Amino acid sequence: MRRRTGLAMAGVAALAWSEWLNWRWSRTLVGNSEGAVEAVVVLGFQNPQATANVVNRWRVRAGLRSITADRVNESATNSAHDTRVIFSGGATGGGASEAQLMADYAKSVLEFDGTVLLEDQSTTTWENIANVIPLLEDVDHIKIVSQPAHALKARAYLRRQRPDLAARLVRADDYRPGEWIVVKPLLAVYGLWKLRVLKPDEQKISP
């Protein structure tokens, strides 16, 4: 009985820890930039099959729900009109690019009819950011969408490559309590490992 209770408590603690980490990552290196035009950058995940996989489908949904997250007084139509959604990711193997598969899912399944741009050459997170920079020059604020740890890594890379554009970063709606709950502790451990490349000042939660 005690062993089962101890395991249950350990499980609850692991879930709480992973939720806190993901919440924290989603609020790091973001500000309160304002303006009429935004870019939502959705980062792709390895996708060798002919349609978007479960990770990329979730990232597309998180990207589209990020469009209106900070525009409660505007209609969805106006928000979509003022937003460009940029899908970023190259091809895995000889098939279609991650960017194209995500765009196809957004349009054909989710029926998104807003502005979509593709960046289909990147094979690393650093390249994701380097290659989307030309598409971000004239926007007022930028949201980067992925799992929270990966999105934070991408924001840190934008900060290194173009600190002026990084000043326009705002929160995306890619963290919600309870999402990915079963695997979130594993994602948290993996995220800590991936974020080991960041500097201490790149991991401080934003005010």
C-alpha atoms as a PDB file:
ATOM      1  CA  MET A   1       0.000   0.000   0.000  1.00  0.00           C
ATOM      2  CA  ARG A   2       2.764   2.404   0.958  1.00  0.00           C
ATOM      3  CA  ARG A   3       4.643   1.542  -2.218  1.00  0.00           C
ATOM      4  CA  ARG A   4       1.617   2.278  -4.372  1.00  0.00           C
ATOM      5  CA  THR A   5       1.054   5.538  -2.524  1.00  0.00           C
ATOM      6  CA  GLY A   6       4.692   6.485  -2.988  1.00  0.00           C
ATOM      7  CA  LEU A   7       4.558   5.731  -6.704  1.00  0.00           C
ATOM      8  CA  ALA A   8       1.360   7.726  -7.072  1.00  0.00           C
ATOM      9  CA  MET A   9       2.910  10.707  -5.290  1.00  0.00           C
ATOM     10  CA  ALA A  10       6.022  10.437  -7.448  1.00  0.00           C
ATOM     11  CA  GLY A  11       3.851  10.389 -10.563  1.00  0.00           C
ATOM     12  CA  VAL A  12       1.927  13.468  -9.458  1.00  0.00           C
ATOM     13  CA  ALA A  13       5.197  15.244  -8.657  1.00  0.00           C
ATOM     14  CA  ALA A  14       6.620  14.378 -12.086  1.00  0.00           C
ATOM     15  CA  LEU A  15       3.511  15.711 -13.825  1.00  0.00           C
ATOM     16  CA  ALA A  16       3.563  18.922 -11.776  1.00  0.00           C
ATOM     17  CA  TRP A  17       7.275  19.401 -12.477  1.00  0.00           C
ATOM     18  CA  SER A  18       6.836  18.877 -16.210  1.00  0.00           C
ATOM     19  CA  GLU A  19       3.855  21.235 -16.347  1.00  0.00           C
ATOM     20  CA  TRP A  20       5.833  23.913 -14.523  1.00  0.00           C
ATOM     21  CA  LEU A  21       8.823  23.534 -16.838  1.00  0.00           C
ATOM     22  CA  ASN A  22       6.698  23.787 -19.988  1.00  0.00           C
ATOM     23  CA  TRP A  23       4.802  26.771 -18.560  1.00  0.00           C
ATOM     24  CA  ARG A  24       8.114  28.439 -17.766  1.00  0.00           C
ATOM     25  CA  TRP A  25       9.624  27.749 -21.186  1.00  0.00           C
ATOM     26  CA  SER A  26       6.565  29.220 -22.903  1.00  0.00           C
ATOM     27  CA  ARG A  27       7.140  32.493 -21.045  1.00  0.00           C
ATOM     28  CA  THR A  28      10.872  32.863 -21.635  1.00  0.00           C
ATOM     29  CA  LEU A  29      12.359  35.342 -24.140  1.00  0.00           C
ATOM     30  CA  VAL A  30       8.995  36.895 -24.990  1.00  0.00           C
ATOM     31  CA  GLY A  31       7.743  40.447 -24.587  1.00  0.00           C
ATOM     32  CA  ASN A  32       4.708  42.611 -25.221  1.00  0.00           C
ATOM     33  CA  SER A  33       5.353  43.943 -28.698  1.00  0.00           C
ATOM     34  CA  GLU A  34       2.238  45.522 -30.212  1.00  0.00           C
ATOM     35  CA  GLY A  35       1.129  46.161 -33.747  1.00  0.00           C
ATOM     36  CA  ALA A  36      -1.344  45.266 -36.454  1.00  0.00           C
ATOM     37  CA  VAL A  37       0.740  42.717 -38.353  1.00  0.00           C
ATOM     38  CA  GLU A  38       2.006  39.502 -36.834  1.00  0.00           C
ATOM     39  CA  ALA A  39       3.854  36.426 -38.015  1.00  0.00           C
ATOM     40  CA  VAL A  40       3.183  32.988 -36.581  1.00  0.00           C
ATOM     41  CA  VAL A  41       6.136  30.722 -37.338  1.00  0.00           C
ATOM     42  CA  VAL A  42       5.296  27.018 -37.039  1.00  0.00           C
ATOM     43  CA  LEU A  43       8.353  24.787 -36.867  1.00  0.00           C
ATOM     44  CA  GLY A  44       8.180  21.369 -38.490  1.00  0.00           C
ATOM     45  CA  PHE A  45       9.029  17.945 -37.094  1.00  0.00           C
ATOM     46  CA  GLN A  46      10.590  15.005 -38.979  1.00  0.00           C
ATOM     47  CA  ASN A  47       7.868  13.726 -41.285  1.00  0.00           C
ATOM     48  CA  PRO A  48       8.858  10.961 -43.744  1.00  0.00           C
ATOM     49  CA  GLN A  49       5.279   9.980 -44.555  1.00  0.00           C
ATOM     50  CA  ALA A  50       3.018  11.529 -47.198  1.00  0.00           C
ATOM     51  CA  THR A  51       0.755  13.388 -44.743  1.00  0.00           C
ATOM     52  CA  ALA A  52       1.401  15.442 -41.624  1.00  0.00           C
ATOM     53  CA  ASN A  53       2.182  13.258 -38.619  1.00  0.00           C
ATOM     54  CA  VAL A  54       0.652  13.658 -35.157  1.00  0.00           C
ATOM     55  CA  VAL A  55       3.330  16.095 -33.953  1.00  0.00           C
ATOM     56  CA  ASN A  56       3.054  18.341 -36.996  1.00  0.00           C
ATOM     57  CA  ARG A  57      -0.748  18.246 -36.873  1.00  0.00           C
ATOM     58  CA  TRP A  58      -0.639  19.446 -33.279  1.00  0.00           C
ATOM     59  CA  ARG A  59       1.863  22.178 -34.139  1.00  0.00           C
ATOM     60  CA  VAL A  60      -0.396  23.421 -36.935  1.00  0.00           C
ATOM     61  CA  ARG A  61      -3.381  23.554 -34.575  1.00  0.00           C
ATOM     62  CA  ALA A  62      -1.297  25.372 -31.970  1.00  0.00           C
ATOM     63  CA  GLY A  63      -0.136  27.806 -34.634  1.00  0.00           C
ATOM     64  CA  LEU A  64      -3.626  28.602 -35.847  1.00  0.00           C
ATOM     65  CA  ARG A  65      -5.013  29.052 -32.351  1.00  0.00           C
ATOM     66  CA  SER A  66      -2.116  31.457 -31.673  1.00  0.00           C
ATOM     67  CA  ILE A  67      -3.435  33.859 -34.302  1.00  0.00           C
ATOM     68  CA  THR A  68      -6.175  35.331 -32.128  1.00  0.00           C
ATOM     69  CA  ALA A  69      -4.696  34.625 -28.704  1.00  0.00           C
ATOM     70  CA  ASP A  70      -3.894  38.303 -28.096  1.00  0.00           C
ATOM     71  CA  ARG A  71      -6.710  39.832 -30.167  1.00  0.00           C
ATOM     72  CA  VAL A  72      -9.856  39.318 -28.126  1.00  0.00           C
ATOM     73  CA  ASN A  73     -11.489  42.442 -29.520  1.00  0.00           C
ATOM     74  CA  GLU A  74     -11.036  41.510 -33.173  1.00  0.00           C
ATOM     75  CA  SER A  75     -12.920  39.040 -35.305  1.00  0.00           C
ATOM     76  CA  ALA A  76     -11.186  35.880 -36.477  1.00  0.00           C
ATOM     77  CA  THR A  77     -11.407  37.106 -40.062  1.00  0.00           C
ATOM     78  CA  ASN A  78      -9.560  40.340 -39.359  1.00  0.00           C
ATOM     79  CA  SER A  79      -6.958  38.536 -37.267  1.00  0.00           C
ATOM     80  CA  ALA A  80      -6.272  36.064 -40.063  1.00  0.00           C
ATOM     81  CA  HIS A  81      -6.032  38.930 -42.541  1.00  0.00           C
ATOM     82  CA  ASP A  82      -3.393  40.668 -40.401  1.00  0.00           C
ATOM     83  CA  THR A  83      -1.419  37.498 -39.758  1.00  0.00           C
ATOM     84  CA  ARG A  84       0.970  35.553 -41.929  1.00  0.00           C
ATOM     85  CA  VAL A  85       1.447  31.940 -40.922  1.00  0.00           C
ATOM     86  CA  ILE A  86       4.887  30.672 -41.860  1.00  0.00           C
ATOM     87  CA  PHE A  87       5.421  26.931 -41.975  1.00  0.00           C
ATOM     88  CA  SER A  88       9.110  26.083 -41.727  1.00  0.00           C
ATOM     89  CA  GLY A  89      10.792  22.750 -42.409  1.00  0.00           C
ATOM     90  CA  GLY A  90      12.525  20.946 -45.226  1.00  0.00           C
ATOM     91  CA  ALA A  91      11.926  17.520 -46.708  1.00  0.00           C
ATOM     92  CA  THR A  92      12.675  14.278 -44.890  1.00  0.00           C
ATOM     93  CA  GLY A  93      13.985  11.904 -47.535  1.00  0.00           C
ATOM     94  CA  GLY A  94      12.592  12.400 -51.017  1.00  0.00           C
ATOM     95  CA  GLY A  95       9.045  13.371 -50.117  1.00  0.00           C
ATOM     96  CA  ALA A  96       7.287  16.680 -49.593  1.00  0.00           C
ATOM     97  CA  SER A  97       8.736  19.188 -47.154  1.00  0.00           C
ATOM     98  CA  GLU A  98       7.496  19.462 -43.582  1.00  0.00           C
ATOM     99  CA  ALA A  99       6.365  22.989 -44.451  1.00  0.00           C
ATOM    100  CA  GLN A 100       4.227  21.781 -47.346  1.00  0.00           C
ATOM    101  CA  LEU A 101       2.657  18.948 -45.358  1.00  0.00           C
ATOM    102  CA  MET A 102       1.729  21.319 -42.538  1.00  0.00           C
ATOM    103  CA  ALA A 103       0.303  23.860 -44.973  1.00  0.00           C
ATOM    104  CA  ASP A 104      -1.756  21.155 -46.685  1.00  0.00           C
ATOM    105  CA  TYR A 105      -3.163  20.065 -43.325  1.00  0.00           C
ATOM    106  CA  ALA A 106      -3.996  23.646 -42.337  1.00  0.00           C
ATOM    107  CA  LYS A 107      -5.819  24.328 -45.587  1.00  0.00           C
ATOM    108  CA  SER A 108      -7.506  21.033 -46.436  1.00  0.00           C
ATOM    109  CA  VAL A 109      -8.365  19.706 -42.976  1.00  0.00           C
ATOM    110  CA  LEU A 110      -8.577  22.793 -40.764  1.00  0.00           C
ATOM    111  CA  GLU A 111      -9.879  24.972 -43.615  1.00  0.00           C
ATOM    112  CA  PHE A 112      -7.544  27.847 -42.866  1.00  0.00           C
ATOM    113  CA  ASP A 113      -7.810  30.485 -45.589  1.00  0.00           C
ATOM    114  CA  GLY A 114      -5.461  33.129 -44.246  1.00  0.00           C
ATOM    115  CA  THR A 115      -2.023  34.093 -45.554  1.00  0.00           C
ATOM    116  CA  VAL A 116       0.387  31.134 -45.641  1.00  0.00           C
ATOM    117  CA  LEU A 117       4.088  31.287 -46.473  1.00  0.00           C
ATOM    118  CA  LEU A 118       6.435  28.313 -46.796  1.00  0.00           C
ATOM    119  CA  GLU A 119      10.076  27.979 -45.834  1.00  0.00           C
ATOM    120  CA  ASP A 120      10.967  24.514 -47.117  1.00  0.00           C
ATOM    121  CA  GLN A 121      14.779  24.311 -47.014  1.00  0.00           C
ATOM    122  CA  SER A 122      15.606  24.030 -43.313  1.00  0.00           C
ATOM    123  CA  THR A 123      16.947  20.863 -41.720  1.00  0.00           C
ATOM    124  CA  THR A 124      17.893  22.275 -38.283  1.00  0.00           C
ATOM    125  CA  THR A 125      16.374  24.738 -35.832  1.00  0.00           C
ATOM    126  CA  TRP A 126      19.158  27.211 -36.539  1.00  0.00           C
ATOM    127  CA  GLU A 127      18.313  27.040 -40.242  1.00  0.00           C
ATOM    128  CA  ASN A 128      14.581  27.382 -39.484  1.00  0.00           C
ATOM    129  CA  ILE A 129      15.291  30.757 -37.945  1.00  0.00           C
ATOM    130  CA  ALA A 130      17.897  31.920 -40.457  1.00  0.00           C
ATOM    131  CA  ASN A 131      15.620  31.096 -43.371  1.00  0.00           C
ATOM    132  CA  VAL A 132      12.459  32.740 -42.033  1.00  0.00           C
ATOM    133  CA  ILE A 133      14.164  36.008 -41.120  1.00  0.00           C
ATOM    134  CA  PRO A 134      13.501  37.581 -44.561  1.00  0.00           C
ATOM    135  CA  LEU A 135       9.789  36.895 -43.997  1.00  0.00           C
ATOM    136  CA  LEU A 136       9.797  38.691 -40.631  1.00  0.00           C
ATOM    137  CA  GLU A 137      11.383  42.027 -41.467  1.00  0.00           C
ATOM    138  CA  ASP A 138       8.136  44.015 -41.747  1.00  0.00           C
ATOM    139  CA  VAL A 139       5.974  42.428 -39.032  1.00  0.00           C
ATOM    140  CA  ASP A 140       5.144  44.030 -35.691  1.00  0.00           C
ATOM    141  CA  HIS A 141       5.257  40.946 -33.530  1.00  0.00           C
ATOM    142  CA  ILE A 142       6.422  37.371 -33.908  1.00  0.00           C
ATOM    143  CA  LYS A 143       5.153  34.118 -32.407  1.00  0.00           C
ATOM    144  CA  ILE A 144       7.178  30.919 -32.718  1.00  0.00           C
ATOM    145  CA  VAL A 145       5.196  27.712 -32.321  1.00  0.00           C
ATOM    146  CA  SER A 146       6.433  24.254 -31.376  1.00  0.00           C
ATOM    147  CA  GLN A 147       6.665  22.214 -28.187  1.00  0.00           C
ATOM    148  CA  PRO A 148       7.641  24.827 -25.548  1.00  0.00           C
ATOM    149  CA  ALA A 149      11.284  23.738 -25.172  1.00  0.00           C
ATOM    150  CA  HIS A 150      11.845  23.705 -28.924  1.00  0.00           C
ATOM    151  CA  ALA A 151      10.112  27.060 -29.374  1.00  0.00           C
ATOM    152  CA  LEU A 152      12.326  28.572 -26.667  1.00  0.00           C
ATOM    153  CA  LYS A 153      15.430  27.253 -28.411  1.00  0.00           C
ATOM    154  CA  ALA A 154      14.239  28.864 -31.644  1.00  0.00           C
ATOM    155  CA  ARG A 155      13.580  32.192 -29.885  1.00  0.00           C
ATOM    156  CA  ALA A 156      17.092  32.094 -28.430  1.00  0.00           C
ATOM    157  CA  TYR A 157      18.486  31.491 -31.920  1.00  0.00           C
ATOM    158  CA  LEU A 158      16.537  34.476 -33.270  1.00  0.00           C
ATOM    159  CA  ARG A 159      17.966  36.534 -30.424  1.00  0.00           C
ATOM    160  CA  ARG A 160      21.476  35.504 -31.459  1.00  0.00           C
ATOM    161  CA  GLN A 161      20.954  36.046 -35.178  1.00  0.00           C
ATOM    162  CA  ARG A 162      18.773  39.158 -35.126  1.00  0.00           C
ATOM    163  CA  PRO A 163      18.296  40.765 -31.703  1.00  0.00           C
ATOM    164  CA  ASP A 164      16.252  43.551 -33.278  1.00  0.00           C
ATOM    165  CA  LEU A 165      13.657  41.049 -34.493  1.00  0.00           C
ATOM    166  CA  ALA A 166      13.822  39.118 -31.218  1.00  0.00           C
ATOM    167  CA  ALA A 167      12.560  42.259 -29.498  1.00  0.00           C
ATOM    168  CA  ARG A 168       9.266  41.653 -31.338  1.00  0.00           C
ATOM    169  CA  LEU A 169       8.748  38.152 -29.907  1.00  0.00           C
ATOM    170  CA  VAL A 170       5.502  37.534 -28.033  1.00  0.00           C
ATOM    171  CA  ARG A 171       3.923  34.421 -26.553  1.00  0.00           C
ATOM    172  CA  ALA A 172       2.314  31.851 -28.800  1.00  0.00           C
ATOM    173  CA  ASP A 173      -0.522  29.617 -27.618  1.00  0.00           C
ATOM    174  CA  ASP A 174       1.598  26.452 -27.646  1.00  0.00           C
ATOM    175  CA  TYR A 175       1.330  25.691 -23.940  1.00  0.00           C
ATOM    176  CA  ARG A 176      -1.914  24.641 -22.316  1.00  0.00           C
ATOM    177  CA  PRO A 177      -2.154  22.728 -19.027  1.00  0.00           C
ATOM    178  CA  GLY A 178      -2.852  19.059 -19.561  1.00  0.00           C
ATOM    179  CA  GLU A 179      -1.824  18.840 -23.211  1.00  0.00           C
ATOM    180  CA  TRP A 180       0.480  15.896 -23.909  1.00  0.00           C
ATOM    181  CA  ILE A 181      -0.079  14.995 -20.250  1.00  0.00           C
ATOM    182  CA  VAL A 182       0.929  11.327 -20.585  1.00  0.00           C
ATOM    183  CA  VAL A 183       4.296  12.028 -22.198  1.00  0.00           C
ATOM    184  CA  LYS A 184       4.944  15.498 -20.780  1.00  0.00           C
ATOM    185  CA  PRO A 185       7.476  14.298 -18.153  1.00  0.00           C
ATOM    186  CA  LEU A 186       9.492  12.639 -20.933  1.00  0.00           C
ATOM    187  CA  LEU A 187       9.194  15.776 -23.057  1.00  0.00           C
ATOM    188  CA  ALA A 188      10.423  17.830 -20.101  1.00  0.00           C
ATOM    189  CA  VAL A 189      13.512  15.650 -19.657  1.00  0.00           C
ATOM    190  CA  TYR A 190      14.187  15.762 -23.395  1.00  0.00           C
ATOM    191  CA  GLY A 191      13.658  19.526 -23.391  1.00  0.00           C
ATOM    192  CA  LEU A 192      16.207  20.029 -20.620  1.00  0.00           C
ATOM    193  CA  TRP A 193      18.727  18.047 -22.656  1.00  0.00           C
ATOM    194  CA  LYS A 194      18.019  20.031 -25.835  1.00  0.00           C
ATOM    195  CA  LEU A 195      18.207  23.376 -24.001  1.00  0.00           C
ATOM    196  CA  ARG A 196      21.624  22.658 -22.550  1.00  0.00           C
ATOM    197  CA  VAL A 197      23.054  24.698 -25.461  1.00  0.00           C
ATOM    198  CA  LEU A 198      21.408  27.902 -24.215  1.00  0.00           C
ATOM    199  CA  LYS A 199      23.196  30.511 -22.151  1.00  0.00           C
ATOM    200  CA  PRO A 200      21.939  31.381 -18.645  1.00  0.00           C
ATOM    201  CA  ASP A 201      20.525  34.727 -19.789  1.00  0.00           C
ATOM    202  CA  GLU A 202      18.560  32.915 -22.508  1.00  0.00           C
ATOM    203  CA  GLN A 203      16.690  30.858 -19.930  1.00  0.00           C
ATOM    204  CA  LYS A 204      15.402  33.582 -17.631  1.00  0.00           C
ATOM    205  CA  ILE A 205      11.636  33.898 -17.604  1.00  0.00           C
ATOM    206  CA  SER A 206      10.398  37.137 -19.124  1.00  0.00           C
ATOM    207  CA  PRO A 207       8.858  39.759 -16.787  1.00  0.00           C
END
